[in-house]
N, C-alpha and C. Protein backbone atom coordinates (compact mmCIF):
# COMPACT_ATOMS: atom_id res chain seq x y z
N UNK A 1 -57.17 85.22 -50.96
CA UNK A 1 -56.73 84.27 -50.25
C UNK A 1 -55.71 83.58 -50.97
N UNK A 2 -54.64 82.98 -50.21
CA UNK A 2 -53.95 82.34 -50.65
C UNK A 2 -54.14 80.67 -50.50
N UNK A 3 -53.74 80.07 -51.73
CA UNK A 3 -54.01 78.50 -51.63
C UNK A 3 -52.58 77.91 -51.79
N UNK A 4 -52.77 76.72 -50.87
CA UNK A 4 -51.28 75.98 -50.90
C UNK A 4 -51.55 74.86 -51.64
N UNK A 5 -50.44 73.99 -51.83
CA UNK A 5 -50.83 72.72 -52.65
C UNK A 5 -51.01 71.72 -51.91
N UNK A 6 -51.95 70.72 -52.31
CA UNK A 6 -52.50 69.82 -51.33
C UNK A 6 -51.16 68.52 -51.24
N UNK A 7 -51.10 68.10 -49.82
CA UNK A 7 -50.21 67.01 -49.56
C UNK A 7 -50.47 65.99 -50.73
N UNK A 8 -49.21 65.16 -51.27
CA UNK A 8 -49.37 64.03 -52.37
C UNK A 8 -50.00 63.08 -51.57
N UNK A 9 -50.54 62.41 -52.71
CA UNK A 9 -51.71 61.40 -52.39
C UNK A 9 -50.71 60.03 -52.15
N UNK A 10 -51.17 58.83 -51.22
CA UNK A 10 -50.35 57.89 -51.15
C UNK A 10 -49.86 57.06 -52.41
N UNK A 11 -50.62 57.28 -53.23
CA UNK A 11 -50.12 56.51 -54.45
C UNK A 11 -49.08 57.11 -55.03
N UNK A 12 -48.96 58.70 -55.07
CA UNK A 12 -48.05 59.49 -55.84
C UNK A 12 -46.82 59.53 -55.11
N UNK A 13 -46.91 59.24 -53.80
CA UNK A 13 -45.67 59.21 -52.84
C UNK A 13 -44.50 58.06 -53.14
N UNK A 14 -45.29 56.87 -54.06
CA UNK A 14 -44.34 55.69 -53.94
C UNK A 14 -43.26 55.98 -54.97
N UNK A 15 -43.37 57.17 -55.75
CA UNK A 15 -42.31 57.22 -56.79
C UNK A 15 -41.36 58.43 -56.21
N UNK A 16 -41.66 58.88 -55.09
CA UNK A 16 -40.56 59.63 -54.15
C UNK A 16 -39.83 58.88 -53.27
N UNK A 17 -38.63 58.72 -53.49
CA UNK A 17 -37.99 57.78 -52.36
C UNK A 17 -37.98 58.37 -51.26
N UNK A 18 -38.59 57.41 -50.22
CA UNK A 18 -38.40 58.00 -48.74
C UNK A 18 -36.82 58.16 -47.99
N UNK A 19 -36.98 59.15 -47.12
CA UNK A 19 -35.31 59.10 -46.26
C UNK A 19 -35.16 57.63 -46.18
N UNK A 20 -35.86 56.59 -45.77
CA UNK A 20 -35.36 55.29 -44.82
C UNK A 20 -34.99 54.58 -46.32
N UNK A 21 -35.54 54.38 -47.48
CA UNK A 21 -35.11 53.86 -48.59
C UNK A 21 -33.50 54.35 -48.99
N UNK A 22 -33.67 55.70 -48.90
CA UNK A 22 -32.03 55.99 -49.33
C UNK A 22 -31.31 55.77 -48.32
N UNK A 23 -31.52 55.65 -47.13
CA UNK A 23 -30.39 55.21 -45.98
C UNK A 23 -30.05 53.45 -46.53
N UNK A 24 -31.30 53.01 -46.67
CA UNK A 24 -30.72 51.43 -46.78
C UNK A 24 -30.20 51.20 -48.14
N UNK A 25 -30.24 52.10 -49.07
CA UNK A 25 -29.45 52.16 -50.46
C UNK A 25 -28.19 52.35 -50.13
N UNK A 26 -27.92 53.63 -49.45
CA UNK A 26 -26.31 54.12 -49.15
C UNK A 26 -25.72 52.97 -48.25
N UNK A 27 -26.32 52.40 -47.71
CA UNK A 27 -25.83 51.57 -46.54
C UNK A 27 -25.29 50.14 -47.20
N UNK A 28 -26.18 49.65 -48.19
CA UNK A 28 -25.86 48.69 -48.91
C UNK A 28 -25.03 48.76 -49.81
N UNK A 29 -25.00 50.01 -50.57
CA UNK A 29 -23.59 50.25 -51.65
C UNK A 29 -22.17 50.73 -51.00
N UNK A 30 -22.13 50.73 -49.82
CA UNK A 30 -20.71 51.08 -49.45
C UNK A 30 -19.61 49.97 -49.80
N UNK A 31 -18.52 50.60 -49.83
CA UNK A 31 -17.29 49.76 -50.17
C UNK A 31 -17.20 48.87 -49.08
N UNK A 32 -17.17 47.63 -49.44
CA UNK A 32 -16.64 46.18 -48.22
C UNK A 32 -15.38 46.28 -48.31
N UNK A 33 -14.23 46.72 -48.46
CA UNK A 33 -13.16 46.68 -48.43
C UNK A 33 -12.78 46.99 -46.87
N UNK A 34 -13.64 47.56 -46.02
CA UNK A 34 -13.23 47.63 -44.80
C UNK A 34 -13.24 46.28 -43.91
N UNK A 35 -12.46 46.45 -42.57
CA UNK A 35 -12.48 45.10 -41.87
C UNK A 35 -13.91 44.80 -41.45
N UNK A 36 -14.00 43.44 -41.43
CA UNK A 36 -15.50 43.08 -40.91
C UNK A 36 -15.72 43.40 -39.46
N UNK A 37 -16.85 43.34 -39.01
CA UNK A 37 -17.15 43.75 -37.84
C UNK A 37 -16.59 42.83 -36.60
N UNK A 38 -16.25 43.42 -35.56
CA UNK A 38 -15.52 42.54 -34.92
C UNK A 38 -16.21 41.06 -34.34
N UNK A 39 -17.44 41.06 -34.26
CA UNK A 39 -18.23 40.12 -33.52
C UNK A 39 -18.62 39.05 -34.85
N UNK A 40 -17.96 38.94 -35.90
CA UNK A 40 -18.47 38.23 -37.26
C UNK A 40 -17.72 36.96 -37.08
N UNK A 41 -16.41 37.24 -36.60
CA UNK A 41 -15.71 36.00 -36.46
C UNK A 41 -14.73 35.65 -35.18
N UNK A 42 -14.46 34.30 -34.84
CA UNK A 42 -13.75 34.08 -33.82
C UNK A 42 -12.39 34.38 -33.83
N UNK A 43 -11.82 35.34 -32.74
CA UNK A 43 -10.57 35.84 -32.95
C UNK A 43 -9.41 34.98 -33.38
N UNK A 44 -9.69 33.48 -32.58
CA UNK A 44 -8.48 32.52 -32.87
C UNK A 44 -8.57 31.64 -33.92
N UNK A 45 -10.01 31.06 -34.22
CA UNK A 45 -10.01 30.17 -35.19
C UNK A 45 -10.57 30.72 -36.40
N UNK A 46 -11.16 31.91 -36.26
CA UNK A 46 -11.57 32.30 -37.35
C UNK A 46 -13.33 32.04 -37.91
N UNK A 47 -13.85 31.07 -37.33
CA UNK A 47 -14.93 30.50 -37.28
C UNK A 47 -16.15 31.38 -37.19
N UNK A 48 -17.10 31.51 -38.17
CA UNK A 48 -18.01 32.65 -38.12
C UNK A 48 -18.93 32.45 -36.57
N UNK A 49 -19.21 33.69 -36.34
CA UNK A 49 -19.94 33.76 -35.05
C UNK A 49 -21.27 34.19 -35.38
N UNK A 50 -22.17 34.13 -34.43
CA UNK A 50 -23.77 34.30 -35.02
C UNK A 50 -24.40 33.30 -34.76
N UNK A 51 -25.71 33.34 -35.66
CA UNK A 51 -26.74 32.46 -35.60
C UNK A 51 -27.11 31.92 -34.33
N UNK A 52 -27.41 32.81 -33.39
CA UNK A 52 -28.13 32.55 -32.05
C UNK A 52 -27.03 31.77 -31.08
N UNK A 53 -25.77 31.61 -31.56
CA UNK A 53 -24.98 30.97 -30.62
C UNK A 53 -24.24 31.97 -29.66
N UNK A 54 -23.77 31.39 -28.53
CA UNK A 54 -22.98 32.09 -27.40
C UNK A 54 -21.62 32.62 -28.12
N UNK A 55 -21.61 33.94 -27.67
CA UNK A 55 -20.17 34.45 -28.10
C UNK A 55 -19.29 34.74 -26.80
N UNK A 56 -18.15 34.26 -26.64
CA UNK A 56 -17.44 34.21 -25.18
C UNK A 56 -16.22 35.42 -25.36
N UNK A 57 -16.47 36.24 -24.74
CA UNK A 57 -15.46 37.80 -25.01
C UNK A 57 -14.57 37.52 -23.76
N UNK A 58 -13.23 38.01 -24.11
CA UNK A 58 -11.93 38.33 -23.22
C UNK A 58 -11.47 39.29 -23.55
N UNK A 59 -11.23 40.29 -22.41
CA UNK A 59 -10.31 41.58 -22.54
C UNK A 59 -11.18 42.56 -23.42
N UNK A 60 -12.59 42.63 -22.67
CA UNK A 60 -13.18 43.61 -23.53
C UNK A 60 -13.96 43.27 -24.71
N UNK A 61 -13.26 43.43 -25.45
CA UNK A 61 -13.82 43.19 -27.00
C UNK A 61 -13.22 42.19 -28.02
N UNK A 62 -12.74 41.25 -27.50
CA UNK A 62 -12.29 39.96 -28.34
C UNK A 62 -13.14 39.05 -28.23
N UNK A 63 -13.80 38.43 -29.28
CA UNK A 63 -14.59 37.41 -29.27
C UNK A 63 -14.14 36.09 -29.71
N UNK A 64 -14.95 35.08 -29.03
CA UNK A 64 -14.64 33.56 -29.44
C UNK A 64 -15.58 33.15 -29.36
N UNK A 65 -15.71 31.67 -30.09
CA UNK A 65 -16.65 30.71 -30.61
C UNK A 65 -16.90 29.87 -29.41
N UNK A 66 -15.91 29.69 -28.49
CA UNK A 66 -16.17 28.64 -27.70
C UNK A 66 -15.04 28.93 -26.25
N UNK A 67 -15.78 28.17 -25.11
CA UNK A 67 -14.59 28.29 -24.06
C UNK A 67 -13.49 28.01 -24.34
N UNK A 68 -13.06 26.89 -25.26
CA UNK A 68 -11.70 26.34 -25.50
C UNK A 68 -11.09 27.34 -26.25
N UNK A 69 -11.65 27.88 -27.30
CA UNK A 69 -10.95 28.78 -27.98
C UNK A 69 -10.58 30.29 -27.06
N UNK A 70 -11.31 30.65 -26.21
CA UNK A 70 -10.83 31.73 -25.35
C UNK A 70 -10.04 31.24 -24.33
N UNK A 71 -9.97 29.82 -23.65
CA UNK A 71 -8.91 29.76 -22.82
C UNK A 71 -7.75 29.34 -23.38
N UNK A 72 -7.71 28.95 -24.76
CA UNK A 72 -6.22 29.11 -25.55
C UNK A 72 -5.59 30.08 -25.64
N UNK A 73 -6.37 31.42 -25.81
CA UNK A 73 -6.01 32.51 -26.15
C UNK A 73 -5.47 33.25 -24.93
N UNK A 74 -6.38 32.92 -23.73
CA UNK A 74 -5.86 33.38 -22.47
C UNK A 74 -4.14 32.71 -21.98
N UNK A 75 -4.25 31.49 -22.31
CA UNK A 75 -3.16 30.90 -21.98
C UNK A 75 -1.88 31.31 -22.90
N UNK A 76 -1.82 31.60 -24.23
CA UNK A 76 -1.04 32.35 -24.87
C UNK A 76 -0.63 33.66 -24.28
N UNK A 77 -1.78 34.37 -24.21
CA UNK A 77 -1.43 35.52 -23.68
C UNK A 77 -0.34 35.77 -22.26
N UNK A 78 -1.02 34.65 -21.34
CA UNK A 78 -0.48 34.62 -20.09
C UNK A 78 1.53 34.00 -20.26
N UNK A 79 1.28 33.17 -21.21
CA UNK A 79 2.89 32.78 -21.59
C UNK A 79 3.98 34.03 -22.04
N UNK A 80 3.09 34.76 -22.97
CA UNK A 80 3.66 35.87 -23.35
C UNK A 80 4.04 37.10 -22.38
N UNK A 81 3.07 37.14 -21.61
CA UNK A 81 3.24 38.17 -20.47
C UNK A 81 4.41 37.69 -19.62
N UNK A 82 4.44 36.07 -19.15
CA UNK A 82 5.42 35.51 -18.31
C UNK A 82 6.92 35.62 -18.94
N UNK A 83 6.99 35.37 -20.28
CA UNK A 83 8.27 35.48 -20.95
C UNK A 83 8.83 36.77 -21.02
N UNK A 84 7.53 38.08 -21.02
CA UNK A 84 8.03 39.56 -21.19
C UNK A 84 8.49 39.57 -19.95
N UNK A 85 7.95 39.38 -18.76
CA UNK A 85 8.34 39.88 -17.29
C UNK A 85 9.63 39.19 -17.12
N UNK A 86 10.07 37.91 -17.40
CA UNK A 86 11.49 37.21 -17.22
C UNK A 86 12.40 37.98 -18.20
N UNK A 87 12.18 38.42 -19.30
CA UNK A 87 13.14 39.00 -20.10
C UNK A 87 13.46 40.55 -19.39
N UNK A 88 12.50 41.25 -19.27
CA UNK A 88 12.53 42.49 -18.27
C UNK A 88 13.27 42.35 -17.12
N UNK A 89 12.92 41.25 -16.27
CA UNK A 89 13.98 41.15 -15.19
C UNK A 89 15.25 40.91 -15.29
N UNK A 90 15.55 39.72 -16.37
CA UNK A 90 16.95 39.85 -16.93
C UNK A 90 17.58 41.10 -17.34
N UNK A 91 17.17 41.75 -17.86
CA UNK A 91 17.52 43.06 -18.35
C UNK A 91 17.88 43.98 -16.94
N UNK A 92 17.15 43.95 -16.12
CA UNK A 92 17.18 44.75 -15.19
C UNK A 92 18.42 44.10 -14.43
N UNK A 93 18.51 42.97 -14.11
CA UNK A 93 19.69 42.36 -13.41
C UNK A 93 21.00 42.54 -14.26
N UNK A 94 20.89 42.20 -15.27
CA UNK A 94 22.36 42.51 -16.51
C UNK A 94 22.65 43.99 -16.00
N UNK A 95 21.90 44.89 -15.91
CA UNK A 95 22.40 46.50 -15.99
C UNK A 95 22.83 46.48 -14.32
N UNK A 96 22.13 45.97 -13.39
CA UNK A 96 22.68 46.00 -11.97
C UNK A 96 23.94 45.33 -11.92
N UNK A 97 23.93 43.98 -12.57
CA UNK A 97 25.60 43.56 -12.39
C UNK A 97 26.79 44.24 -13.15
N UNK A 98 26.19 44.70 -14.44
CA UNK A 98 27.31 45.81 -14.72
C UNK A 98 27.46 46.87 -14.03
N UNK A 99 26.42 47.44 -13.57
CA UNK A 99 27.01 48.41 -12.53
C UNK A 99 27.77 48.02 -11.39
N UNK A 100 27.31 47.23 -10.94
CA UNK A 100 28.35 46.58 -9.86
C UNK A 100 29.85 46.04 -10.09
N UNK A 101 29.97 45.47 -11.20
CA UNK A 101 31.32 45.24 -11.34
C UNK A 101 31.98 45.98 -12.85
N UNK A 102 31.95 47.28 -12.22
CA UNK A 102 32.49 48.05 -13.46
C UNK A 102 34.05 48.14 -12.96
N UNK A 103 34.99 48.08 -14.22
CA UNK A 103 36.49 47.88 -13.75
C UNK A 103 36.89 49.44 -13.04
N UNK A 104 36.23 50.47 -12.74
CA UNK A 104 36.49 51.61 -12.49
C UNK A 104 36.79 51.70 -11.02
N UNK A 105 36.59 50.67 -10.44
CA UNK A 105 36.55 50.81 -8.84
C UNK A 105 38.11 50.70 -8.40
N UNK A 106 38.60 51.71 -7.40
CA UNK A 106 39.47 51.34 -6.68
C UNK A 106 39.54 51.00 -5.35
N UNK A 107 40.30 50.14 -5.24
CA UNK A 107 40.21 49.11 -3.86
C UNK A 107 41.68 49.43 -3.27
N UNK A 108 41.74 49.78 -1.90
CA UNK A 108 42.92 49.76 -1.36
C UNK A 108 43.03 48.64 -0.52
N UNK A 109 44.17 47.92 -0.33
CA UNK A 109 44.52 46.93 0.50
C UNK A 109 45.86 47.33 1.28
N UNK A 110 45.74 46.56 2.46
CA UNK A 110 46.85 47.08 3.36
C UNK A 110 46.55 46.90 4.82
N UNK A 111 47.48 47.36 5.75
CA UNK A 111 47.00 46.98 7.11
C UNK A 111 46.70 48.44 7.86
N UNK A 112 45.61 48.45 8.66
CA UNK A 112 45.46 49.52 9.26
C UNK A 112 45.81 49.31 10.84
N UNK A 113 46.55 50.34 11.49
CA UNK A 113 46.81 50.19 12.90
C UNK A 113 45.98 51.20 13.54
N UNK A 114 45.27 50.84 14.69
CA UNK A 114 44.54 51.87 15.24
C UNK A 114 45.42 51.91 16.95
N UNK A 115 45.37 53.23 17.36
CA UNK A 115 45.94 53.26 18.67
C UNK A 115 45.14 53.51 19.44
C-alpha cells in the first residue's frame, strides 16, 4: 500500500508564502515611474481626488474635482473648437477665392450681332 504525505499543519503553512501575499508583494514593489492613475488628480487644477468626494467626469475619462473646474475645461475646449472651425473655414474660403481669381482666365469683350 502506498502512503502519501499528510497536508501541512496550519502552523507550518505560515512559513510558506501564500500566492496572495506574493501578489501583494509584487504589486507593492513595482516601479512607480509610471503615470498616476487618471482618477488620482483633477485634470485642470491637479488637486487630489478621492477621500469620498464627488468626481466630475467630462468626455468619458477626464476627471475634475468640481463643477467649476469641469465647466472651465468645457469652455476652453469650446473656444478651441470654435477657433479651429473658423480657421478651417478661412482656409476653404481662401482656396475658393484663389481658384475664382486665377489670372489664366481668357475673357472676350466685344459686340455680338444677332440677326
